[in-house]
Amino acid sequence: VLGHEVMHQWSGRIRFIDEHGELSTALLGKDGSHWSDLLQTHASVLYGHKWRDNGDGTFTSEAIQSFFSPLDLYLAGWYAADEVPPFFLIDNPHHPAAVPPTADITVEGTARPITIDDILAAEGPRVPPMSEAQKEFRCAFILLTPPGVEIELSQTLALEQISTKFAERFAVWTGGRALAHNGPEALRMLSPGAPETVT
């Protein structure tokens, strides 16, 4: 969920020039800010699927919502354009594009190949380019409670665990090209001990 919401900062809202030379929004799905359910996104956190072409006019979903796709990484500024491999959109007028992905489904259709050049023709190059894009981010996790409600140690430790795991996963998602640094760790509720005598 955190990866999904963070990636909305950069990805999930682009167009491309289709095979007829027309500007198309067919890559988009739910709310116009997520990928189409029929898009090969290598299981992007912003929807789409890791589609397997079965070679018989059908495609089976092998994974959903697991990674930042190569296209996500380009749009965020962590991949160069030439690192985005060609991908495809399944033409199927009977399958809705604007739905969250469902695991282990098979759909019929025809693969429409798309390249990063089709996107650049519609949107232009990323600004700033990868060489100048931000690669390190400072994150803060804030726990809000109603007035008069005390925060328990278990809550601060849970929040600390979430923030630590997010930073670890962020590095994995970006292949180490971008890092998330968390704010100061939660103050632990410990009693001071007696210092040892140092000779």
N, C-alpha and C. Protein backbone atom coordinates (compact mmCIF):
# COMPACT_ATOMS: atom_id res chain seq x y z
N VAL A 1 0.84 -1.20 0.00
CA VAL A 1 0.00 0.00 0.00
C VAL A 1 0.88 1.26 0.00
N LEU A 2 1.92 1.28 0.82
CA LEU A 2 2.79 2.45 0.86
C LEU A 2 3.49 2.65 -0.48
N GLY A 3 3.98 1.55 -1.08
CA GLY A 3 4.63 1.66 -2.39
C GLY A 3 3.67 2.17 -3.45
N HIS A 4 2.44 1.70 -3.40
CA HIS A 4 1.40 2.14 -4.35
C HIS A 4 1.18 3.64 -4.23
N GLU A 5 1.00 4.13 -3.01
CA GLU A 5 0.69 5.55 -2.83
C GLU A 5 1.89 6.43 -3.15
N VAL A 6 3.10 5.99 -2.80
CA VAL A 6 4.29 6.76 -3.13
C VAL A 6 4.47 6.85 -4.64
N MET A 7 4.26 5.75 -5.36
CA MET A 7 4.46 5.75 -6.81
C MET A 7 3.45 6.64 -7.53
N HIS A 8 2.31 6.93 -6.91
CA HIS A 8 1.36 7.88 -7.51
C HIS A 8 2.00 9.26 -7.72
N GLN A 9 3.07 9.56 -6.99
CA GLN A 9 3.76 10.83 -7.16
C GLN A 9 4.24 11.02 -8.60
N TRP A 10 4.58 9.90 -9.28
CA TRP A 10 5.18 10.00 -10.60
C TRP A 10 4.44 9.22 -11.69
N SER A 11 3.81 8.14 -11.35
CA SER A 11 3.40 7.18 -12.38
C SER A 11 1.88 6.99 -12.45
N GLY A 12 1.45 6.31 -13.53
CA GLY A 12 0.05 5.91 -13.65
C GLY A 12 -0.85 6.89 -14.38
N ARG A 13 -0.27 7.90 -15.07
CA ARG A 13 -1.14 8.89 -15.71
C ARG A 13 -0.59 9.33 -17.07
N ILE A 14 -0.06 8.43 -17.86
CA ILE A 14 0.54 8.85 -19.12
C ILE A 14 -0.21 8.32 -20.33
N ARG A 15 0.04 8.97 -21.45
CA ARG A 15 -0.58 8.60 -22.72
C ARG A 15 0.50 8.12 -23.69
N PHE A 16 0.07 7.63 -24.82
CA PHE A 16 1.02 7.21 -25.85
C PHE A 16 0.41 7.46 -27.22
N ILE A 17 1.24 7.41 -28.25
CA ILE A 17 0.77 7.52 -29.63
C ILE A 17 0.55 6.12 -30.15
N ASP A 18 -0.70 5.82 -30.54
CA ASP A 18 -1.02 4.45 -30.97
C ASP A 18 -0.61 4.19 -32.42
N GLU A 19 -0.95 2.99 -32.89
CA GLU A 19 -0.52 2.57 -34.23
C GLU A 19 -1.16 3.40 -35.35
N HIS A 20 -2.22 4.14 -35.02
CA HIS A 20 -2.88 5.01 -36.00
C HIS A 20 -2.37 6.45 -35.93
N GLY A 21 -1.37 6.69 -35.07
CA GLY A 21 -0.84 8.03 -34.92
C GLY A 21 -1.69 8.92 -34.04
N GLU A 22 -2.61 8.31 -33.28
CA GLU A 22 -3.52 9.07 -32.42
C GLU A 22 -3.04 9.04 -30.96
N LEU A 23 -3.34 10.13 -30.24
CA LEU A 23 -3.04 10.17 -28.81
C LEU A 23 -4.02 9.26 -28.08
N SER A 24 -3.52 8.33 -27.27
CA SER A 24 -4.36 7.33 -26.62
C SER A 24 -4.15 7.30 -25.11
N THR A 25 -5.24 7.07 -24.38
CA THR A 25 -5.18 6.88 -22.93
C THR A 25 -5.44 5.42 -22.56
N ALA A 26 -5.25 4.52 -23.51
CA ALA A 26 -5.58 3.11 -23.29
C ALA A 26 -4.70 2.43 -22.24
N LEU A 27 -3.57 3.04 -21.87
CA LEU A 27 -2.73 2.46 -20.80
C LEU A 27 -3.37 2.60 -19.44
N LEU A 28 -4.34 3.51 -19.33
CA LEU A 28 -4.88 3.88 -18.03
C LEU A 28 -6.10 3.06 -17.65
N GLY A 29 -6.27 2.88 -16.35
CA GLY A 29 -7.40 2.12 -15.82
C GLY A 29 -8.16 2.92 -14.78
N LYS A 30 -8.28 2.37 -13.58
CA LYS A 30 -9.10 2.93 -12.52
C LYS A 30 -8.77 4.41 -12.25
N ASP A 31 -9.79 5.24 -12.30
CA ASP A 31 -9.70 6.68 -12.01
C ASP A 31 -8.74 7.43 -12.92
N GLY A 32 -8.29 6.80 -13.99
CA GLY A 32 -7.34 7.46 -14.87
C GLY A 32 -5.99 7.70 -14.24
N SER A 33 -5.72 7.04 -13.11
CA SER A 33 -4.45 7.24 -12.41
C SER A 33 -3.82 5.91 -11.98
N HIS A 34 -4.29 4.83 -12.56
CA HIS A 34 -3.72 3.50 -12.36
C HIS A 34 -3.56 2.86 -13.74
N TRP A 35 -2.76 1.82 -13.81
CA TRP A 35 -2.60 1.14 -15.10
C TRP A 35 -3.82 0.28 -15.42
N SER A 36 -4.07 0.13 -16.71
CA SER A 36 -5.15 -0.72 -17.19
C SER A 36 -4.95 -2.15 -16.70
N ASP A 37 -6.04 -2.81 -16.41
CA ASP A 37 -5.96 -4.21 -16.00
C ASP A 37 -5.41 -5.10 -17.12
N LEU A 38 -5.44 -4.60 -18.34
CA LEU A 38 -4.99 -5.37 -19.50
C LEU A 38 -3.55 -5.05 -19.90
N LEU A 39 -2.86 -4.25 -19.09
CA LEU A 39 -1.51 -3.83 -19.43
C LEU A 39 -0.48 -4.77 -18.82
N GLN A 40 0.54 -5.11 -19.61
CA GLN A 40 1.67 -5.88 -19.11
C GLN A 40 2.57 -4.94 -18.30
N THR A 41 2.46 -4.99 -16.99
CA THR A 41 3.24 -4.09 -16.13
C THR A 41 4.26 -4.84 -15.28
N HIS A 42 4.41 -6.13 -15.51
CA HIS A 42 5.31 -6.93 -14.68
C HIS A 42 4.91 -6.83 -13.21
N ALA A 43 3.60 -6.80 -12.96
CA ALA A 43 3.03 -6.79 -11.61
C ALA A 43 3.31 -5.50 -10.86
N SER A 44 3.08 -4.36 -11.53
CA SER A 44 3.29 -3.06 -10.89
C SER A 44 2.38 -2.88 -9.68
N VAL A 45 2.88 -2.16 -8.69
CA VAL A 45 2.04 -1.83 -7.54
C VAL A 45 0.88 -0.93 -7.95
N LEU A 46 0.98 -0.30 -9.13
CA LEU A 46 -0.10 0.56 -9.64
C LEU A 46 -1.04 -0.18 -10.59
N TYR A 47 -1.12 -1.49 -10.42
CA TYR A 47 -2.05 -2.36 -11.14
C TYR A 47 -1.49 -2.86 -12.47
N GLY A 48 -2.37 -3.38 -13.32
CA GLY A 48 -1.89 -4.18 -14.44
C GLY A 48 -1.49 -5.55 -13.90
N HIS A 49 -0.86 -6.34 -14.74
CA HIS A 49 -0.48 -7.71 -14.37
C HIS A 49 0.90 -8.05 -14.91
N LYS A 50 1.44 -9.15 -14.43
CA LYS A 50 2.53 -9.83 -15.12
C LYS A 50 1.84 -10.89 -15.99
N TRP A 51 1.55 -10.51 -17.23
CA TRP A 51 0.80 -11.40 -18.12
C TRP A 51 1.72 -12.38 -18.82
N ARG A 52 1.30 -13.64 -18.90
CA ARG A 52 2.00 -14.66 -19.68
C ARG A 52 1.21 -14.90 -20.95
N ASP A 53 1.84 -14.75 -22.09
CA ASP A 53 1.20 -15.03 -23.38
C ASP A 53 1.20 -16.54 -23.58
N ASN A 54 0.01 -17.13 -23.61
CA ASN A 54 -0.09 -18.59 -23.73
C ASN A 54 0.06 -19.08 -25.17
N GLY A 55 0.16 -18.15 -26.12
CA GLY A 55 0.37 -18.53 -27.50
C GLY A 55 -0.85 -19.03 -28.22
N ASP A 56 -2.03 -18.93 -27.58
CA ASP A 56 -3.26 -19.43 -28.20
C ASP A 56 -4.37 -18.39 -28.18
N GLY A 57 -3.96 -17.12 -28.08
CA GLY A 57 -4.95 -16.05 -28.01
C GLY A 57 -5.44 -15.78 -26.60
N THR A 58 -4.78 -16.39 -25.60
CA THR A 58 -5.14 -16.12 -24.20
C THR A 58 -3.90 -15.70 -23.43
N PHE A 59 -4.15 -15.02 -22.32
CA PHE A 59 -3.07 -14.52 -21.46
C PHE A 59 -3.45 -14.83 -20.02
N THR A 60 -2.48 -15.31 -19.24
CA THR A 60 -2.72 -15.68 -17.85
C THR A 60 -1.89 -14.79 -16.93
N SER A 61 -2.53 -14.31 -15.88
CA SER A 61 -1.84 -13.48 -14.90
C SER A 61 -0.96 -14.34 -14.00
N GLU A 62 0.33 -14.02 -13.98
CA GLU A 62 1.26 -14.76 -13.13
C GLU A 62 1.55 -14.05 -11.82
N ALA A 63 1.30 -12.73 -11.76
CA ALA A 63 1.56 -11.97 -10.53
C ALA A 63 0.86 -10.62 -10.63
N ILE A 64 0.55 -10.05 -9.46
CA ILE A 64 -0.04 -8.71 -9.39
C ILE A 64 0.59 -7.94 -8.23
N GLN A 65 0.64 -6.62 -8.36
CA GLN A 65 0.99 -5.69 -7.30
C GLN A 65 2.20 -6.13 -6.47
N SER A 66 3.33 -6.33 -7.13
CA SER A 66 4.51 -6.81 -6.43
C SER A 66 5.72 -5.90 -6.55
N PHE A 67 5.83 -5.14 -7.65
CA PHE A 67 7.06 -4.41 -7.94
C PHE A 67 6.74 -3.03 -8.53
N PHE A 68 7.79 -2.20 -8.68
CA PHE A 68 7.73 -1.04 -9.55
C PHE A 68 8.11 -1.56 -10.94
N SER A 69 7.28 -1.28 -11.93
CA SER A 69 7.57 -1.77 -13.28
C SER A 69 8.70 -0.94 -13.90
N PRO A 70 9.32 -1.43 -14.98
CA PRO A 70 10.31 -0.60 -15.68
C PRO A 70 9.76 0.76 -16.08
N LEU A 71 8.49 0.81 -16.50
CA LEU A 71 7.90 2.09 -16.86
C LEU A 71 7.74 2.98 -15.63
N ASP A 72 7.31 2.40 -14.50
CA ASP A 72 7.23 3.17 -13.24
C ASP A 72 8.60 3.77 -12.90
N LEU A 73 9.64 2.95 -13.03
CA LEU A 73 10.99 3.38 -12.66
C LEU A 73 11.49 4.49 -13.57
N TYR A 74 11.12 4.43 -14.84
CA TYR A 74 11.48 5.52 -15.75
C TYR A 74 10.75 6.81 -15.36
N LEU A 75 9.45 6.70 -15.11
CA LEU A 75 8.67 7.89 -14.80
C LEU A 75 9.10 8.52 -13.47
N ALA A 76 9.60 7.70 -12.55
CA ALA A 76 10.09 8.22 -11.27
C ALA A 76 11.49 8.82 -11.38
N GLY A 77 12.17 8.53 -12.50
CA GLY A 77 13.50 9.08 -12.69
C GLY A 77 14.63 8.16 -12.29
N TRP A 78 14.35 6.86 -12.16
CA TRP A 78 15.38 5.91 -11.73
C TRP A 78 15.82 4.97 -12.84
N TYR A 79 15.17 5.02 -14.00
CA TYR A 79 15.59 4.29 -15.19
C TYR A 79 15.74 5.30 -16.32
N ALA A 80 16.68 5.05 -17.22
CA ALA A 80 16.75 5.81 -18.46
C ALA A 80 15.72 5.24 -19.43
N ALA A 81 15.34 6.02 -20.41
CA ALA A 81 14.32 5.57 -21.37
C ALA A 81 14.73 4.28 -22.06
N ASP A 82 16.01 4.14 -22.40
CA ASP A 82 16.43 2.94 -23.13
C ASP A 82 16.49 1.70 -22.25
N GLU A 83 16.21 1.84 -20.96
CA GLU A 83 16.16 0.66 -20.08
C GLU A 83 14.75 0.09 -19.97
N VAL A 84 13.76 0.76 -20.55
CA VAL A 84 12.38 0.28 -20.49
C VAL A 84 12.14 -0.66 -21.66
N PRO A 85 11.98 -1.96 -21.41
CA PRO A 85 11.77 -2.89 -22.53
C PRO A 85 10.38 -2.73 -23.13
N PRO A 86 10.20 -3.17 -24.36
CA PRO A 86 8.85 -3.14 -24.95
C PRO A 86 7.88 -3.95 -24.09
N PHE A 87 6.63 -3.53 -24.08
CA PHE A 87 5.61 -4.25 -23.33
C PHE A 87 4.36 -4.30 -24.20
N PHE A 88 3.23 -4.74 -23.65
CA PHE A 88 2.04 -4.85 -24.49
C PHE A 88 0.77 -4.57 -23.71
N LEU A 89 -0.25 -4.24 -24.48
CA LEU A 89 -1.60 -4.05 -23.96
C LEU A 89 -2.48 -5.07 -24.65
N ILE A 90 -3.29 -5.79 -23.88
CA ILE A 90 -4.16 -6.81 -24.47
C ILE A 90 -5.43 -6.14 -24.99
N ASP A 91 -5.70 -6.31 -26.27
CA ASP A 91 -6.95 -5.82 -26.85
C ASP A 91 -8.06 -6.82 -26.53
N ASN A 92 -8.98 -6.40 -25.69
CA ASN A 92 -10.14 -7.23 -25.33
C ASN A 92 -11.26 -6.28 -24.92
N PRO A 93 -12.22 -6.03 -25.81
CA PRO A 93 -13.29 -5.07 -25.51
C PRO A 93 -14.26 -5.54 -24.43
N HIS A 94 -14.18 -6.81 -24.03
CA HIS A 94 -15.13 -7.35 -23.06
C HIS A 94 -14.59 -7.38 -21.63
N HIS A 95 -13.29 -7.11 -21.48
CA HIS A 95 -12.69 -7.13 -20.14
C HIS A 95 -12.48 -5.70 -19.69
N PRO A 96 -13.00 -5.30 -18.53
CA PRO A 96 -12.86 -3.90 -18.09
C PRO A 96 -11.41 -3.55 -17.77
N ALA A 97 -11.01 -2.35 -18.20
CA ALA A 97 -9.65 -1.88 -17.93
C ALA A 97 -9.55 -1.24 -16.55
N ALA A 98 -10.66 -0.67 -16.08
CA ALA A 98 -10.63 0.15 -14.86
C ALA A 98 -11.02 -0.63 -13.62
N VAL A 99 -10.36 -1.76 -13.40
CA VAL A 99 -10.62 -2.56 -12.20
C VAL A 99 -9.28 -2.92 -11.56
N PRO A 100 -9.23 -3.08 -10.24
CA PRO A 100 -8.00 -3.58 -9.61
C PRO A 100 -7.71 -4.99 -10.09
N PRO A 101 -6.46 -5.38 -10.15
CA PRO A 101 -6.12 -6.70 -10.69
C PRO A 101 -6.56 -7.84 -9.79
N THR A 102 -6.89 -8.95 -10.43
CA THR A 102 -7.26 -10.19 -9.74
C THR A 102 -6.24 -11.26 -10.11
N ALA A 103 -5.72 -11.95 -9.12
CA ALA A 103 -4.69 -12.96 -9.38
C ALA A 103 -5.25 -14.17 -10.11
N ASP A 104 -4.38 -14.84 -10.84
CA ASP A 104 -4.68 -16.14 -11.46
C ASP A 104 -5.88 -16.12 -12.39
N ILE A 105 -5.97 -15.08 -13.22
CA ILE A 105 -7.05 -15.05 -14.20
C ILE A 105 -6.47 -15.24 -15.59
N THR A 106 -7.31 -15.68 -16.52
CA THR A 106 -6.94 -15.83 -17.92
C THR A 106 -7.95 -15.06 -18.77
N VAL A 107 -7.42 -14.26 -19.70
CA VAL A 107 -8.28 -13.47 -20.58
C VAL A 107 -7.91 -13.75 -22.03
N GLU A 108 -8.88 -13.55 -22.90
CA GLU A 108 -8.62 -13.66 -24.33
C GLU A 108 -8.26 -12.29 -24.89
N GLY A 109 -7.59 -12.28 -26.03
CA GLY A 109 -7.28 -11.02 -26.67
C GLY A 109 -6.07 -11.10 -27.57
N THR A 110 -5.70 -9.93 -28.06
CA THR A 110 -4.54 -9.80 -28.94
C THR A 110 -3.58 -8.81 -28.32
N ALA A 111 -2.30 -9.16 -28.31
CA ALA A 111 -1.30 -8.29 -27.71
C ALA A 111 -0.97 -7.14 -28.66
N ARG A 112 -1.10 -5.90 -28.15
CA ARG A 112 -0.73 -4.71 -28.91
C ARG A 112 0.62 -4.24 -28.37
N PRO A 113 1.70 -4.34 -29.15
CA PRO A 113 3.02 -3.94 -28.63
C PRO A 113 3.12 -2.43 -28.45
N ILE A 114 3.81 -2.02 -27.38
CA ILE A 114 4.03 -0.62 -27.05
C ILE A 114 5.48 -0.45 -26.63
N THR A 115 6.09 0.65 -27.04
CA THR A 115 7.47 0.93 -26.65
C THR A 115 7.54 2.27 -25.93
N ILE A 116 8.67 2.50 -25.29
CA ILE A 116 8.86 3.79 -24.62
C ILE A 116 8.84 4.93 -25.63
N ASP A 117 9.22 4.65 -26.88
CA ASP A 117 9.18 5.69 -27.91
C ASP A 117 7.76 6.16 -28.18
N ASP A 118 6.79 5.23 -28.07
CA ASP A 118 5.38 5.61 -28.24
C ASP A 118 4.94 6.58 -27.15
N ILE A 119 5.48 6.39 -25.96
CA ILE A 119 5.15 7.27 -24.83
C ILE A 119 5.86 8.61 -24.97
N LEU A 120 7.14 8.57 -25.35
CA LEU A 120 7.88 9.80 -25.54
C LEU A 120 7.27 10.65 -26.64
N ALA A 121 6.72 10.01 -27.66
CA ALA A 121 6.08 10.76 -28.75
C ALA A 121 4.87 11.54 -28.25
N ALA A 122 4.22 11.02 -27.20
CA ALA A 122 3.04 11.70 -26.64
C ALA A 122 3.40 12.68 -25.54
N GLU A 123 4.32 12.29 -24.68
CA GLU A 123 4.58 13.06 -23.46
C GLU A 123 5.90 13.83 -23.48
N GLY A 124 6.79 13.48 -24.40
CA GLY A 124 8.12 14.07 -24.39
C GLY A 124 8.98 13.38 -23.34
N PRO A 125 10.26 13.75 -23.28
CA PRO A 125 11.15 13.11 -22.30
C PRO A 125 10.85 13.56 -20.88
N ARG A 126 11.27 12.73 -19.93
CA ARG A 126 11.07 13.06 -18.52
C ARG A 126 11.90 14.29 -18.13
N VAL A 127 11.30 15.13 -17.31
CA VAL A 127 11.98 16.31 -16.80
C VAL A 127 11.89 16.31 -15.28
N PRO A 128 13.03 16.30 -14.54
CA PRO A 128 14.38 16.23 -15.06
C PRO A 128 14.73 14.81 -15.51
N PRO A 129 15.78 14.65 -16.32
CA PRO A 129 16.18 13.30 -16.75
C PRO A 129 16.73 12.49 -15.58
N MET A 130 16.93 11.20 -15.83
CA MET A 130 17.39 10.30 -14.77
C MET A 130 18.68 10.81 -14.11
N SER A 131 19.58 11.39 -14.90
CA SER A 131 20.86 11.84 -14.35
C SER A 131 20.70 12.93 -13.31
N GLU A 132 19.57 13.65 -13.34
CA GLU A 132 19.35 14.75 -12.41
C GLU A 132 18.21 14.50 -11.43
N ALA A 133 17.52 13.38 -11.57
CA ALA A 133 16.35 13.11 -10.73
C ALA A 133 16.76 12.77 -9.30
N GLN A 134 15.89 13.07 -8.37
CA GLN A 134 16.15 12.78 -6.95
C GLN A 134 16.22 11.27 -6.74
N LYS A 135 17.21 10.85 -5.96
CA LYS A 135 17.41 9.42 -5.70
C LYS A 135 17.30 9.06 -4.22
N GLU A 136 17.35 10.04 -3.35
CA GLU A 136 17.25 9.77 -1.92
C GLU A 136 16.13 10.61 -1.33
N PHE A 137 15.36 9.98 -0.45
CA PHE A 137 14.16 10.61 0.10
C PHE A 137 14.15 10.44 1.61
N ARG A 138 13.77 11.49 2.31
CA ARG A 138 13.61 11.40 3.77
C ARG A 138 12.12 11.27 4.06
N CYS A 139 11.78 10.26 4.83
CA CYS A 139 10.38 9.96 5.14
C CYS A 139 10.12 10.12 6.63
N ALA A 140 8.94 10.58 6.97
CA ALA A 140 8.53 10.67 8.37
C ALA A 140 7.24 9.88 8.54
N PHE A 141 7.16 9.12 9.59
CA PHE A 141 5.94 8.38 9.93
C PHE A 141 5.39 8.99 11.21
N ILE A 142 4.16 9.48 11.16
CA ILE A 142 3.58 10.23 12.28
C ILE A 142 2.33 9.50 12.77
N LEU A 143 2.28 9.24 14.05
CA LEU A 143 1.14 8.57 14.67
C LEU A 143 0.27 9.62 15.35
N LEU A 144 -0.94 9.77 14.91
CA LEU A 144 -1.88 10.73 15.48
C LEU A 144 -2.89 10.01 16.36
N THR A 145 -3.19 10.59 17.51
CA THR A 145 -4.20 10.02 18.41
C THR A 145 -5.15 11.13 18.83
N PRO A 146 -6.35 10.77 19.26
CA PRO A 146 -7.27 11.79 19.79
C PRO A 146 -6.71 12.40 21.06
N PRO A 147 -7.14 13.61 21.41
CA PRO A 147 -6.66 14.23 22.65
C PRO A 147 -6.93 13.33 23.86
N GLY A 148 -5.95 13.25 24.74
CA GLY A 148 -6.11 12.46 25.97
C GLY A 148 -5.81 10.99 25.82
N VAL A 149 -5.57 10.51 24.61
CA VAL A 149 -5.25 9.09 24.40
C VAL A 149 -3.75 8.93 24.37
N GLU A 150 -3.23 8.12 25.30
CA GLU A 150 -1.79 7.93 25.38
C GLU A 150 -1.34 6.89 24.36
N ILE A 151 -0.14 7.11 23.83
CA ILE A 151 0.44 6.18 22.88
C ILE A 151 1.14 5.06 23.64
N GLU A 152 0.87 3.84 23.25
CA GLU A 152 1.49 2.69 23.91
C GLU A 152 2.79 2.32 23.22
N LEU A 153 3.68 1.72 23.96
CA LEU A 153 4.97 1.30 23.42
C LEU A 153 4.78 0.38 22.22
N SER A 154 3.81 -0.52 22.29
CA SER A 154 3.59 -1.45 21.18
C SER A 154 3.25 -0.72 19.88
N GLN A 155 2.57 0.42 20.00
CA GLN A 155 2.23 1.19 18.80
C GLN A 155 3.46 1.83 18.18
N THR A 156 4.32 2.41 19.00
CA THR A 156 5.52 3.04 18.47
C THR A 156 6.45 2.01 17.86
N LEU A 157 6.54 0.86 18.49
CA LEU A 157 7.39 -0.20 17.94
C LEU A 157 6.83 -0.74 16.64
N ALA A 158 5.50 -0.86 16.55
CA ALA A 158 4.87 -1.32 15.30
C ALA A 158 5.12 -0.33 14.18
N LEU A 159 4.98 0.97 14.49
CA LEU A 159 5.21 2.00 13.48
C LEU A 159 6.68 1.99 13.03
N GLU A 160 7.56 1.77 13.95
CA GLU A 160 8.99 1.70 13.62
C GLU A 160 9.25 0.50 12.70
N GLN A 161 8.59 -0.62 12.97
CA GLN A 161 8.78 -1.80 12.13
C GLN A 161 8.25 -1.54 10.71
N ILE A 162 7.09 -0.88 10.60
CA ILE A 162 6.54 -0.56 9.29
C ILE A 162 7.50 0.34 8.51
N SER A 163 8.02 1.37 9.17
CA SER A 163 8.91 2.30 8.48
C SER A 163 10.21 1.62 8.05
N THR A 164 10.73 0.74 8.89
CA THR A 164 11.96 0.03 8.55
C THR A 164 11.74 -0.91 7.37
N LYS A 165 10.65 -1.65 7.39
CA LYS A 165 10.36 -2.58 6.30
C LYS A 165 10.08 -1.84 5.00
N PHE A 166 9.44 -0.66 5.09
CA PHE A 166 9.19 0.12 3.88
C PHE A 166 10.50 0.55 3.25
N ALA A 167 11.44 1.03 4.06
CA ALA A 167 12.73 1.46 3.53
C ALA A 167 13.47 0.30 2.87
N GLU A 168 13.40 -0.88 3.49
CA GLU A 168 14.05 -2.05 2.90
C GLU A 168 13.41 -2.42 1.57
N ARG A 169 12.08 -2.42 1.53
CA ARG A 169 11.36 -2.82 0.31
C ARG A 169 11.55 -1.79 -0.80
N PHE A 170 11.61 -0.51 -0.43
CA PHE A 170 11.81 0.56 -1.41
C PHE A 170 13.12 0.35 -2.15
N ALA A 171 14.16 -0.02 -1.42
CA ALA A 171 15.45 -0.29 -2.05
C ALA A 171 15.36 -1.47 -3.00
N VAL A 172 14.60 -2.49 -2.62
CA VAL A 172 14.41 -3.66 -3.50
C VAL A 172 13.65 -3.26 -4.75
N TRP A 173 12.54 -2.54 -4.58
CA TRP A 173 11.72 -2.13 -5.71
C TRP A 173 12.50 -1.32 -6.74
N THR A 174 13.45 -0.51 -6.27
CA THR A 174 14.19 0.37 -7.17
C THR A 174 15.52 -0.23 -7.60
N GLY A 175 15.78 -1.46 -7.22
CA GLY A 175 17.06 -2.07 -7.55
C GLY A 175 18.23 -1.32 -6.95
N GLY A 176 17.99 -0.67 -5.81
CA GLY A 176 19.03 0.08 -5.13
C GLY A 176 19.32 1.44 -5.75
N ARG A 177 18.54 1.83 -6.75
CA ARG A 177 18.79 3.12 -7.42
C ARG A 177 18.19 4.30 -6.66
N ALA A 178 17.29 4.03 -5.76
CA ALA A 178 16.72 5.09 -4.92
C ALA A 178 16.56 4.53 -3.51
N LEU A 179 16.69 5.41 -2.54
CA LEU A 179 16.64 5.00 -1.14
C LEU A 179 15.67 5.88 -0.37
N ALA A 180 14.98 5.25 0.58
CA ALA A 180 14.09 5.98 1.49
C ALA A 180 14.72 5.95 2.87
N HIS A 181 14.99 7.12 3.42
CA HIS A 181 15.56 7.23 4.76
C HIS A 181 14.45 7.66 5.71
N ASN A 182 14.26 6.91 6.78
CA ASN A 182 13.21 7.24 7.74
C ASN A 182 13.69 8.28 8.73
N GLY A 183 12.71 8.96 9.32
CA GLY A 183 13.01 9.95 10.35
C GLY A 183 13.58 9.29 11.58
N PRO A 184 13.77 10.04 12.65
CA PRO A 184 14.35 9.45 13.87
C PRO A 184 13.48 8.32 14.39
N GLU A 185 14.14 7.30 14.91
CA GLU A 185 13.42 6.17 15.46
C GLU A 185 12.60 6.60 16.68
N ALA A 186 11.59 5.82 16.97
CA ALA A 186 10.73 6.13 18.12
C ALA A 186 11.56 6.06 19.41
N LEU A 187 11.26 6.98 20.31
CA LEU A 187 11.93 6.95 21.61
C LEU A 187 11.40 5.76 22.40
N ARG A 188 12.29 4.93 22.83
CA ARG A 188 11.87 3.75 23.58
C ARG A 188 11.62 4.12 25.04
N MET A 189 10.58 3.50 25.61
CA MET A 189 10.21 3.80 27.00
C MET A 189 10.99 2.87 27.93
N LEU A 190 12.23 3.23 28.19
CA LEU A 190 13.11 2.41 29.01
C LEU A 190 13.57 3.21 30.23
N SER A 191 13.83 2.51 31.30
CA SER A 191 14.36 3.16 32.50
C SER A 191 15.88 3.19 32.40
N PRO A 192 16.49 4.30 32.84
CA PRO A 192 17.97 4.36 32.77
C PRO A 192 18.58 3.36 33.73
N GLY A 193 19.69 2.77 33.30
CA GLY A 193 20.40 1.82 34.14
C GLY A 193 21.52 2.52 34.89
N ALA A 194 22.23 1.76 35.71
CA ALA A 194 23.37 2.31 36.46
C ALA A 194 24.62 2.17 35.60
N PRO A 195 25.38 3.26 35.44
CA PRO A 195 26.60 3.17 34.61
C PRO A 195 27.65 2.30 35.26
N GLU A 196 28.43 1.62 34.42
CA GLU A 196 29.53 0.83 34.93
C GLU A 196 30.72 1.74 35.20
N THR A 197 31.52 1.35 36.16
CA THR A 197 32.72 2.13 36.48
C THR A 197 33.79 1.82 35.44
N VAL A 198 34.35 2.89 34.85
CA VAL A 198 35.40 2.74 33.86
C VAL A 198 36.73 3.11 34.49
N THR A 199 37.68 2.20 34.45
CA THR A 199 39.02 2.47 35.02
C THR A 199 39.92 3.01 33.92
